[in-house]
Amino acid sequence: MDSKILLENGTNELEILEFTIDGNAYGINVAKIREIIAYQPITPVPNAHPSVEGIFMPRDTMITAIDLKNCLQRGESKPGGLLIVTNFNKLDIAFHVEAVEGIHRVSWTEIIRPDSTISTAEESVATGIVKINGQLVIILDFEKIVTDISPETGLKVEEIDALGVRERCDIPILIAEDSALLNKLIVDSLKKAGYSNLRHTENGQEAWDFISKCKKEGTLNQHVHLVITDIEMPLMDGHRLTKLIKDDDQLRSIPVIIFSSLVNEEMRRKGEQLGANAQLSKPEIGNLVKVIDEVLGR
């Protein structure tokens, strides 16, 4: 219970489940996990992606099982090991792993972004690297893994076209999103929806530094009328950013929209406690535009 309280209040911490594949250590944010179960028989699906092992029904829900070893180009997993059952972007997906090592509490400030020598931002399935007990643990970008396998689960950019022709609006919007691909898709989508005055940052810290600079210079009104933030970001997460904005008398009137694959019931509760004005799940880019319209009174 204590960990939930600590993680509740925008403390810039997360819990990482460490697991192994092929002798290497990887991590997933515990907030994405529903349960961990022993490997069970999986029914193959005809013509499925090579990384999709098939489907199974642990209870009344049909779940797709993904072979993480195959995703990481390390061959195919044998039956056995564990299934990490996750829920994000409103999808239930199980990832087949070899073993689970434990859960670690870390600060987002300890998480390093992989640089371009490892892989380009657009292609990387690593969202961060953290040193735990002297060992490097690679935190995987599970959203990207799933979108690469099934592109229709990603950002529904076609929803923007359905909005039709819209008037241009130069109200300044600040975006905090660490995925280079999603940052570009969000900016392109909002521009298509008429929002032309956009500044994007790669994490909550960069966004907070910009807000603090504007506050100091007295230029907030020119540069920040609305903040859109992801939750999971290195250096500073979206919950911490929301808390800093809403705890500041000069800033709390700035609306904050959380736009994240992690918006489930528990995360929604946390966001509300921190003062977020709206919270949406990642695929809903059309809804994001509607909520921005409402918040800005368009």
Protein backbone atom coordinates (compact mmCIF):
# COMPACT_ATOMS: atom_id res chain seq x y z
CA MET A 1 0.00 0.00 0.00
CA ASP A 2 2.89 2.30 0.86
CA SER A 3 4.28 2.12 -2.69
CA LYS A 4 0.90 3.09 -4.14
CA ILE A 5 0.76 6.19 -1.91
CA LEU A 6 4.32 7.15 -2.84
CA LEU A 7 3.67 6.71 -6.55
CA GLU A 8 0.30 8.48 -6.27
CA ASN A 9 1.50 12.02 -5.76
CA GLY A 10 3.63 12.93 -8.75
CA THR A 11 6.89 11.92 -7.04
CA ASN A 12 8.56 11.25 -10.43
CA GLU A 13 9.06 7.60 -9.56
CA LEU A 14 7.98 4.38 -11.20
CA GLU A 15 8.20 0.69 -10.49
CA ILE A 16 9.94 -1.48 -13.08
CA LEU A 17 9.47 -5.21 -13.41
CA GLU A 18 12.78 -6.73 -14.48
CA PHE A 19 12.61 -9.86 -16.64
CA THR A 20 15.05 -11.84 -18.75
CA ILE A 21 15.20 -13.08 -22.32
CA ASP A 22 18.21 -14.95 -23.65
CA GLY A 23 20.20 -14.00 -20.54
CA ASN A 24 19.61 -10.25 -21.01
CA ALA A 25 17.76 -7.96 -18.58
CA TYR A 26 14.75 -5.96 -19.74
CA GLY A 27 12.13 -3.85 -17.96
CA ILE A 28 8.47 -2.87 -18.17
CA ASN A 29 6.59 -0.23 -16.18
CA VAL A 30 4.52 -2.09 -13.54
CA ALA A 31 1.62 0.30 -14.30
CA LYS A 32 1.13 -1.57 -17.60
CA ILE A 33 0.89 -5.02 -16.00
CA ARG A 34 -2.38 -6.74 -15.10
CA GLU A 35 -0.90 -10.04 -13.96
CA ILE A 36 1.95 -12.51 -14.48
CA ILE A 37 0.97 -16.12 -15.16
CA ALA A 38 2.75 -19.38 -15.93
CA TYR A 39 3.01 -20.18 -19.64
CA GLN A 40 -0.03 -22.04 -20.89
CA PRO A 41 -1.03 -23.64 -24.19
CA ILE A 42 -1.52 -21.02 -26.92
CA THR A 43 -3.61 -21.51 -30.04
CA PRO A 44 -1.76 -20.39 -33.19
CA VAL A 45 -3.58 -17.97 -35.51
CA PRO A 46 -3.31 -18.52 -39.30
CA ASN A 47 -1.37 -15.85 -41.23
CA ALA A 48 -0.41 -14.01 -38.03
CA HIS A 49 2.68 -11.82 -37.71
CA PRO A 50 5.81 -13.97 -36.97
CA SER A 51 6.06 -12.46 -33.46
CA VAL A 52 2.46 -13.41 -32.59
CA GLU A 53 2.40 -16.83 -30.92
CA GLY A 54 -1.39 -16.98 -30.96
CA ILE A 55 -4.32 -16.51 -28.61
CA PHE A 56 -5.44 -17.94 -25.27
CA MET A 57 -8.27 -17.37 -22.79
CA PRO A 58 -7.13 -17.42 -19.17
CA ARG A 59 -10.66 -16.47 -18.06
CA ASP A 60 -13.39 -14.85 -20.17
CA THR A 61 -11.07 -12.54 -22.11
CA MET A 62 -9.29 -13.54 -25.28
CA ILE A 63 -5.67 -12.38 -25.14
CA THR A 64 -3.05 -12.21 -27.89
CA ALA A 65 0.34 -13.66 -26.92
CA ILE A 66 3.47 -12.05 -28.35
CA ASP A 67 6.86 -13.77 -28.42
CA LEU A 68 9.15 -11.05 -27.08
CA LYS A 69 12.26 -13.03 -27.95
CA ASN A 70 11.16 -13.02 -31.60
CA CYS A 71 10.41 -9.25 -31.45
CA LEU A 72 13.97 -8.69 -30.27
CA GLN A 73 15.31 -10.79 -33.17
CA ARG A 74 16.77 -13.44 -30.87
CA GLY A 75 14.98 -16.48 -32.32
CA GLU A 76 11.76 -18.11 -31.14
CA SER A 77 10.76 -18.91 -27.57
CA LYS A 78 10.11 -22.50 -26.54
CA PRO A 79 6.97 -23.34 -24.53
CA GLY A 80 7.53 -22.51 -20.86
CA GLY A 81 8.54 -19.45 -18.91
CA LEU A 82 6.01 -16.76 -18.06
CA LEU A 83 3.36 -14.58 -19.68
CA ILE A 84 3.25 -10.93 -18.60
CA VAL A 85 -0.37 -9.88 -19.21
CA THR A 86 -0.56 -6.15 -19.89
CA ASN A 87 -3.20 -3.52 -20.50
CA PHE A 88 -2.38 -0.29 -22.34
CA ASN A 89 -3.95 1.62 -25.23
CA LYS A 90 -7.15 -0.24 -24.25
CA LEU A 91 -5.59 -3.55 -25.37
CA ASP A 92 -5.00 -6.76 -23.41
CA ILE A 93 -1.76 -8.36 -24.60
CA ALA A 94 0.51 -11.03 -23.08
CA PHE A 95 4.26 -11.00 -23.60
CA HIS A 96 6.12 -14.30 -23.41
CA VAL A 97 9.33 -13.99 -21.35
CA GLU A 98 11.78 -16.48 -19.82
CA ALA A 99 11.89 -15.39 -16.18
CA VAL A 100 11.02 -12.50 -13.85
CA GLU A 101 13.76 -11.11 -11.59
CA GLY A 102 11.79 -8.70 -9.41
CA ILE A 103 10.35 -5.20 -9.07
CA HIS A 104 12.52 -2.09 -8.58
CA ARG A 105 11.50 1.43 -7.56
CA VAL A 106 13.43 4.00 -9.60
CA SER A 107 13.22 7.70 -10.37
CA TRP A 108 12.63 8.88 -13.93
CA THR A 109 15.77 10.99 -13.48
CA GLU A 110 17.82 7.75 -13.40
CA ILE A 111 16.52 6.60 -16.78
CA ILE A 112 18.79 7.39 -19.70
CA ARG A 113 17.51 7.67 -23.24
CA PRO A 114 19.29 5.35 -25.67
CA ASP A 115 21.38 7.47 -28.04
CA SER A 116 21.42 7.18 -31.83
CA THR A 117 24.48 4.91 -31.77
CA ILE A 118 22.23 2.15 -30.41
CA SER A 119 19.42 2.80 -32.89
CA THR A 120 17.52 5.70 -34.36
CA ALA A 121 14.67 7.10 -32.27
CA GLU A 122 12.05 6.02 -34.83
CA GLU A 123 13.28 2.42 -35.00
CA SER A 124 14.25 1.79 -31.39
CA VAL A 125 12.26 -0.63 -29.26
CA ALA A 126 14.18 0.64 -26.22
CA THR A 127 12.60 3.62 -24.53
CA GLY A 128 15.18 3.92 -21.75
CA ILE A 129 18.10 2.30 -19.95
CA VAL A 130 18.52 2.17 -16.17
CA LYS A 131 21.30 0.79 -13.98
CA ILE A 132 19.94 -1.51 -11.26
CA ASN A 133 22.33 -3.25 -8.83
CA GLY A 134 25.21 -2.57 -11.20
CA GLN A 135 23.44 -4.11 -14.20
CA LEU A 136 21.97 -2.28 -17.20
CA VAL A 137 18.26 -2.95 -17.69
CA ILE A 138 16.72 -1.98 -21.03
CA ILE A 139 13.17 -0.64 -20.72
CA LEU A 140 11.27 -1.69 -23.82
CA ASP A 141 8.81 0.44 -25.79
CA PHE A 142 5.86 -1.95 -25.67
CA GLU A 143 3.56 0.47 -27.53
CA LYS A 144 5.97 0.53 -30.47
CA ILE A 145 6.37 -3.26 -30.41
CA VAL A 146 2.58 -3.68 -30.65
CA THR A 147 2.14 -0.95 -33.28
CA ASP A 148 4.89 -2.48 -35.44
CA ILE A 149 3.06 -5.83 -35.32
CA SER A 150 -0.41 -4.32 -35.80
CA PRO A 151 -0.31 -0.73 -37.16
CA GLU A 152 -4.09 -0.24 -36.73
CA THR A 153 -3.60 -0.23 -32.94
CA GLY A 154 -1.53 2.99 -33.18
CA LEU A 155 -2.56 6.63 -33.34
CA LYS A 156 -5.73 6.89 -35.44
CA VAL A 157 -4.57 9.81 -37.60
CA GLU A 158 -7.46 9.29 -40.06
CA GLU A 159 -9.80 10.61 -37.33
CA ILE A 160 -8.33 14.07 -38.03
CA ASP A 161 -9.41 13.92 -41.69
CA ALA A 162 -12.96 13.17 -40.50
CA LEU A 163 -13.02 16.56 -38.72
CA GLY A 164 -13.02 18.32 -42.11
CA VAL A 165 -11.61 21.76 -42.90
CA ARG A 166 -11.02 23.83 -39.79
CA GLU A 167 -10.05 27.42 -39.07
CA ARG A 168 -6.43 28.16 -38.16
CA CYS A 169 -5.81 28.80 -34.47
CA ASP A 170 -2.55 30.22 -33.11
CA ILE A 171 -3.19 29.64 -29.39
CA PRO A 172 0.18 28.39 -28.02
CA ILE A 173 0.23 24.71 -27.05
CA LEU A 174 3.15 22.94 -25.34
CA ILE A 175 3.55 19.19 -25.93
CA ALA A 176 5.67 16.83 -23.80
CA GLU A 177 6.18 13.44 -25.48
CA ASP A 178 9.39 11.37 -25.50
CA SER A 179 8.62 9.19 -28.54
CA ALA A 180 10.02 10.93 -31.64
CA LEU A 181 7.47 9.15 -33.82
CA LEU A 182 4.47 10.05 -31.63
CA ASN A 183 5.70 13.61 -31.14
CA LYS A 184 5.71 14.04 -34.92
CA LEU A 185 2.30 12.36 -35.37
CA ILE A 186 0.70 14.51 -32.64
CA VAL A 187 2.20 17.74 -34.05
CA ASP A 188 1.19 16.84 -37.63
CA SER A 189 -2.33 15.89 -36.51
CA LEU A 190 -2.87 19.08 -34.50
CA LYS A 191 -1.54 21.21 -37.36
CA LYS A 192 -4.00 19.47 -39.69
CA ALA A 193 -6.73 20.29 -37.12
CA GLY A 194 -5.81 24.00 -37.38
CA TYR A 195 -3.54 24.38 -34.35
CA SER A 196 -0.45 26.07 -35.73
CA ASN A 197 1.40 27.40 -32.66
CA LEU A 198 2.93 24.20 -31.25
CA ARG A 199 6.10 23.66 -29.27
CA HIS A 200 7.15 20.07 -28.62
CA THR A 201 9.54 18.88 -25.92
CA GLU A 202 11.00 15.42 -25.31
CA ASN A 203 10.13 15.01 -21.63
CA GLY A 204 8.52 16.65 -18.62
CA GLN A 205 11.78 18.25 -17.50
CA GLU A 206 12.27 20.03 -20.83
CA ALA A 207 8.64 21.20 -20.75
CA TRP A 208 8.98 22.37 -17.12
CA ASP A 209 12.21 24.25 -17.89
CA PHE A 210 10.44 26.08 -20.73
CA ILE A 211 7.40 26.93 -18.55
CA SER A 212 9.70 28.15 -15.73
CA LYS A 213 11.66 30.33 -18.18
CA CYS A 214 8.44 31.89 -19.52
CA LYS A 215 7.17 32.47 -15.99
CA LYS A 216 10.44 34.20 -15.03
CA GLU A 217 10.38 36.36 -18.17
CA GLY A 218 6.65 37.14 -17.84
CA THR A 219 5.91 35.63 -21.28
CA LEU A 220 3.64 32.73 -20.27
CA ASN A 221 0.66 34.29 -22.01
CA GLN A 222 2.55 34.42 -25.32
CA HIS A 223 3.93 30.86 -25.14
CA VAL A 224 1.83 28.48 -23.01
CA HIS A 225 -1.98 28.38 -22.98
CA LEU A 226 -2.29 24.58 -22.78
CA VAL A 227 -0.04 21.61 -21.96
CA ILE A 228 -0.46 18.13 -23.50
CA THR A 229 1.68 15.52 -21.76
CA ASP A 230 2.49 11.83 -21.94
CA ILE A 231 2.91 10.01 -18.60
CA GLU A 232 5.99 7.83 -19.18
CA MET A 233 9.01 10.03 -19.96
CA PRO A 234 12.66 10.03 -18.85
CA LEU A 235 13.94 12.74 -16.46
CA MET A 236 10.41 13.86 -15.48
CA ASP A 237 7.13 12.05 -16.05
CA GLY A 238 3.79 13.62 -16.94
CA HIS A 239 2.32 13.21 -13.46
CA ARG A 240 5.20 15.12 -11.90
CA LEU A 241 4.87 17.84 -14.56
CA THR A 242 1.12 18.09 -13.87
CA LYS A 243 1.75 18.36 -10.11
CA LEU A 244 4.35 21.14 -10.54
CA ILE A 245 1.97 23.15 -12.75
CA LYS A 246 -1.10 22.67 -10.56
CA ASP A 247 0.77 23.36 -7.28
CA ASP A 248 1.94 26.76 -8.56
CA ASP A 249 -0.40 29.73 -8.02
CA GLN A 250 0.74 31.44 -11.23
CA LEU A 251 0.46 28.33 -13.38
CA ARG A 252 -2.50 26.32 -12.10
CA SER A 253 -4.96 28.00 -14.50
CA ILE A 254 -3.04 26.48 -17.47
CA PRO A 255 -5.07 23.44 -18.60
CA VAL A 256 -3.18 20.12 -18.64
CA ILE A 257 -4.32 17.24 -20.86
CA ILE A 258 -2.73 13.84 -20.19
CA PHE A 259 -2.48 11.87 -23.44
CA SER A 260 -1.01 8.46 -22.67
CA SER A 261 -1.28 4.75 -23.38
CA LEU A 262 -1.49 4.29 -19.59
CA VAL A 263 -4.86 5.95 -18.99
CA ASN A 264 -6.69 3.19 -17.11
CA GLU A 265 -8.93 3.56 -14.04
CA GLU A 266 -6.10 3.74 -11.50
CA MET A 267 -4.06 6.20 -13.60
CA ARG A 268 -7.16 8.31 -14.24
CA ARG A 269 -7.65 8.58 -10.47
CA LYS A 270 -4.04 9.69 -10.01
CA GLY A 271 -4.37 12.27 -12.80
CA GLU A 272 -7.55 13.68 -11.24
CA GLN A 273 -5.87 13.97 -7.82
CA LEU A 274 -3.02 15.90 -9.41
CA GLY A 275 -5.45 18.30 -11.11
CA ALA A 276 -5.31 17.19 -14.78
CA ASN A 277 -8.09 18.85 -16.78
CA ALA A 278 -8.58 15.88 -19.12
CA GLN A 279 -7.07 12.42 -19.71
CA LEU A 280 -7.18 10.40 -22.91
CA SER A 281 -5.83 7.09 -24.14
CA LYS A 282 -3.20 7.27 -26.90
CA PRO A 283 -5.10 6.03 -29.98
CA GLU A 284 -7.82 8.69 -29.55
CA ILE A 285 -6.22 11.57 -31.48
CA GLY A 286 -9.64 12.69 -32.84
CA ASN A 287 -10.96 12.90 -29.28
CA LEU A 288 -7.82 14.80 -28.26
CA VAL A 289 -8.68 17.53 -30.79
CA LYS A 290 -12.27 17.70 -29.49
CA VAL A 291 -11.05 18.00 -25.89
CA ILE A 292 -8.54 20.72 -26.87
CA ASP A 293 -11.41 22.58 -28.60
CA GLU A 294 -13.51 22.35 -25.41
CA VAL A 295 -10.70 23.33 -23.03
CA LEU A 296 -9.72 26.33 -25.18
CA GLY A 297 -13.36 27.29 -25.78
CA ARG A 298 -13.19 27.04 -29.56
